[in-house]
């Protein structure tokens, strides 16, 4: 199992290593479970979403469950990994939940 996130800098390196391992028949894709996480964004990649599903969680940092944002995050991970993730988790959902107090 590989655990990553659309915002981990290592995601491209994981994609490259996975591609090389698949090409050399070191491992088959179905032998690996790839899990990514979505929801949190910061810095220059701030999403342009608003409404109840977007919460500022710090300077230049937001949390969003907006469906368009989640879709974009999954697509971003798939592009960097070179394959679609098998599982998608919500990264730090307590940030969104704590905003409803």
C-alpha atoms as a PDB file:
ATOM      1  CA  UNK A   1       0.000   0.000   0.000  1.00  0.00           C
ATOM      2  CA  UNK A   2       1.219   3.458  -0.903  1.00  0.00           C
ATOM      3  CA  UNK A   3      -0.207   6.351   1.117  1.00  0.00           C
ATOM      4  CA  UNK A   4       0.181   9.777  -0.464  1.00  0.00           C
ATOM      5  CA  UNK A   5      -1.625  13.091  -0.989  1.00  0.00           C
ATOM      6  CA  UNK A   6      -2.161  15.417  -3.914  1.00  0.00           C
ATOM      7  CA  UNK A   7       0.010  17.947  -2.055  1.00  0.00           C
ATOM      8  CA  UNK A   8       2.941  15.784  -1.102  1.00  0.00           C
ATOM      9  CA  UNK A   9       5.983  16.700  -3.147  1.00  0.00           C
ATOM     10  CA  UNK A  10       6.872  13.016  -3.252  1.00  0.00           C
ATOM     11  CA  UNK A  11       3.839  12.131  -5.392  1.00  0.00           C
ATOM     12  CA  UNK A  12       5.745  12.644  -8.666  1.00  0.00           C
ATOM     13  CA  UNK A  13       8.650  10.548  -7.346  1.00  0.00           C
ATOM     14  CA  UNK A  14       6.210   7.803  -6.363  1.00  0.00           C
ATOM     15  CA  UNK A  15       4.716   7.913  -9.861  1.00  0.00           C
ATOM     16  CA  UNK A  16       8.152   7.659 -11.471  1.00  0.00           C
ATOM     17  CA  UNK A  17       9.230   4.752  -9.249  1.00  0.00           C
ATOM     18  CA  UNK A  18       5.937   2.962  -9.842  1.00  0.00           C
ATOM     19  CA  UNK A  19       6.209   3.428 -13.604  1.00  0.00           C
ATOM     20  CA  UNK A  20       9.741   2.019 -13.631  1.00  0.00           C
ATOM     21  CA  UNK A  21       8.733  -0.959 -11.463  1.00  0.00           C
ATOM     22  CA  UNK A  22       5.791  -1.713 -13.755  1.00  0.00           C
ATOM     23  CA  UNK A  23       7.897  -1.402 -16.922  1.00  0.00           C
ATOM     24  CA  UNK A  24      10.531  -3.784 -15.541  1.00  0.00           C
ATOM     25  CA  UNK A  25       7.839  -6.237 -14.371  1.00  0.00           C
ATOM     26  CA  UNK A  26       9.072  -5.929 -10.808  1.00  0.00           C
ATOM     27  CA  UNK A  27       5.481  -5.574  -9.690  1.00  0.00           C
ATOM     28  CA  UNK A  28       2.037  -5.692 -11.308  1.00  0.00           C
ATOM     29  CA  UNK A  29      -0.322  -2.736 -10.874  1.00  0.00           C
ATOM     30  CA  UNK A  30      -2.969  -4.962  -9.276  1.00  0.00           C
ATOM     31  CA  UNK A  31      -0.460  -5.916  -6.557  1.00  0.00           C
ATOM     32  CA  UNK A  32      -0.309  -2.330  -5.300  1.00  0.00           C
ATOM     33  CA  UNK A  33      -2.974  -0.300  -3.524  1.00  0.00           C
ATOM     34  CA  UNK A  34      -2.521   3.442  -3.961  1.00  0.00           C
ATOM     35  CA  UNK A  35      -4.287   5.715  -1.521  1.00  0.00           C
ATOM     36  CA  UNK A  36      -4.356   9.502  -1.784  1.00  0.00           C
ATOM     37  CA  UNK A  37      -5.873  12.205   0.367  1.00  0.00           C
ATOM     38  CA  UNK A  38      -7.780  15.338  -0.666  1.00  0.00           C
ATOM     39  CA  UNK A  39      -9.367  18.348   0.978  1.00  0.00           C
ATOM     40  CA  UNK A  40      -6.495  20.533   2.155  1.00  0.00           C
ATOM     41  CA  UNK A  41      -4.788  23.091  -0.040  1.00  0.00           C
ATOM     42  CA  UNK A  42      -2.264  25.803   0.625  1.00  0.00           C
ATOM     43  CA  UNK A  43       0.043  28.290  -0.988  1.00  0.00           C
ATOM     44  CA  UNK A  44       0.015  28.961  -4.711  1.00  0.00           C
ATOM     45  CA  UNK A  45      -2.455  26.154  -5.413  1.00  0.00           C
ATOM     46  CA  UNK A  46      -5.331  27.736  -3.479  1.00  0.00           C
ATOM     47  CA  UNK A  47      -8.651  26.558  -4.928  1.00  0.00           C
ATOM     48  CA  UNK A  48     -11.176  29.055  -6.219  1.00  0.00           C
ATOM     49  CA  UNK A  49     -14.171  27.643  -4.329  1.00  0.00           C
ATOM     50  CA  UNK A  50     -16.492  29.153  -1.815  1.00  0.00           C
ATOM     51  CA  UNK A  51     -19.548  28.313   0.263  1.00  0.00           C
ATOM     52  CA  UNK A  52     -20.149  26.065   3.218  1.00  0.00           C
ATOM     53  CA  UNK A  53     -17.633  23.475   2.059  1.00  0.00           C
ATOM     54  CA  UNK A  54     -14.637  25.840   2.148  1.00  0.00           C
ATOM     55  CA  UNK A  55     -12.952  26.891   5.369  1.00  0.00           C
ATOM     56  CA  UNK A  56      -9.814  28.966   5.923  1.00  0.00           C
ATOM     57  CA  UNK A  57      -7.609  26.935   8.260  1.00  0.00           C
ATOM     58  CA  UNK A  58      -4.586  29.174   8.420  1.00  0.00           C
ATOM     59  CA  UNK A  59      -2.623  31.710   6.470  1.00  0.00           C
ATOM     60  CA  UNK A  60      -2.893  30.759   2.771  1.00  0.00           C
ATOM     61  CA  UNK A  61      -4.502  27.464   3.698  1.00  0.00           C
ATOM     62  CA  UNK A  62      -8.028  26.211   3.065  1.00  0.00           C
ATOM     63  CA  UNK A  63     -10.011  23.042   3.461  1.00  0.00           C
ATOM     64  CA  UNK A  64     -12.678  22.189   0.912  1.00  0.00           C
ATOM     65  CA  UNK A  65     -15.011  19.325   0.106  1.00  0.00           C
ATOM     66  CA  UNK A  66     -16.426  21.137  -2.899  1.00  0.00           C
ATOM     67  CA  UNK A  67     -17.048  18.370  -5.481  1.00  0.00           C
ATOM     68  CA  UNK A  68     -15.191  20.265  -8.224  1.00  0.00           C
ATOM     69  CA  UNK A  69     -12.192  20.733  -5.947  1.00  0.00           C
ATOM     70  CA  UNK A  70     -12.185  17.061  -4.893  1.00  0.00           C
ATOM     71  CA  UNK A  71     -12.383  15.969  -8.546  1.00  0.00           C
ATOM     72  CA  UNK A  72      -9.509  18.284  -9.460  1.00  0.00           C
ATOM     73  CA  UNK A  73      -7.411  16.931  -6.586  1.00  0.00           C
ATOM     74  CA  UNK A  74      -7.970  13.324  -7.673  1.00  0.00           C
ATOM     75  CA  UNK A  75      -7.084  14.241 -11.269  1.00  0.00           C
ATOM     76  CA  UNK A  76      -3.929  16.016 -10.034  1.00  0.00           C
ATOM     77  CA  UNK A  77      -2.881  12.907  -8.106  1.00  0.00           C
ATOM     78  CA  UNK A  78      -3.609  10.592 -11.037  1.00  0.00           C
ATOM     79  CA  UNK A  79      -1.498  12.749 -13.360  1.00  0.00           C
ATOM     80  CA  UNK A  80       1.471  12.785 -10.990  1.00  0.00           C
ATOM     81  CA  UNK A  81       1.179   9.102 -10.105  1.00  0.00           C
ATOM     82  CA  UNK A  82       0.616   7.970 -13.686  1.00  0.00           C
ATOM     83  CA  UNK A  83      -2.405   5.960 -12.547  1.00  0.00           C
ATOM     84  CA  UNK A  84      -5.741   6.498 -10.866  1.00  0.00           C
ATOM     85  CA  UNK A  85      -5.591   5.998  -7.087  1.00  0.00           C
ATOM     86  CA  UNK A  86      -7.480   3.004  -5.732  1.00  0.00           C
ATOM     87  CA  UNK A  87      -8.721   4.802  -2.640  1.00  0.00           C
ATOM     88  CA  UNK A  88      -9.330   8.455  -1.777  1.00  0.00           C
ATOM     89  CA  UNK A  89      -9.491   9.695   1.819  1.00  0.00           C
ATOM     90  CA  UNK A  90     -10.424  13.071   3.251  1.00  0.00           C
ATOM     91  CA  UNK A  91      -7.300  14.779   4.566  1.00  0.00           C
ATOM     92  CA  UNK A  92      -7.934  16.291   8.017  1.00  0.00           C
ATOM     93  CA  UNK A  93     -11.774  16.437   7.838  1.00  0.00           C
ATOM     94  CA  UNK A  94     -11.859  17.816  11.388  1.00  0.00           C
ATOM     95  CA  UNK A  95     -10.866  21.212   9.932  1.00  0.00           C
ATOM     96  CA  UNK A  96     -14.170  21.442   8.115  1.00  0.00           C
ATOM     97  CA  UNK A  97     -16.194  19.929  10.954  1.00  0.00           C
ATOM     98  CA  UNK A  98     -14.727  22.312  13.551  1.00  0.00           C
ATOM     99  CA  UNK A  99     -15.949  25.315  11.532  1.00  0.00           C
ATOM    100  CA  UNK A 100     -19.591  24.382  12.166  1.00  0.00           C
ATOM    101  CA  UNK A 101     -19.450  24.954  15.936  1.00  0.00           C
END
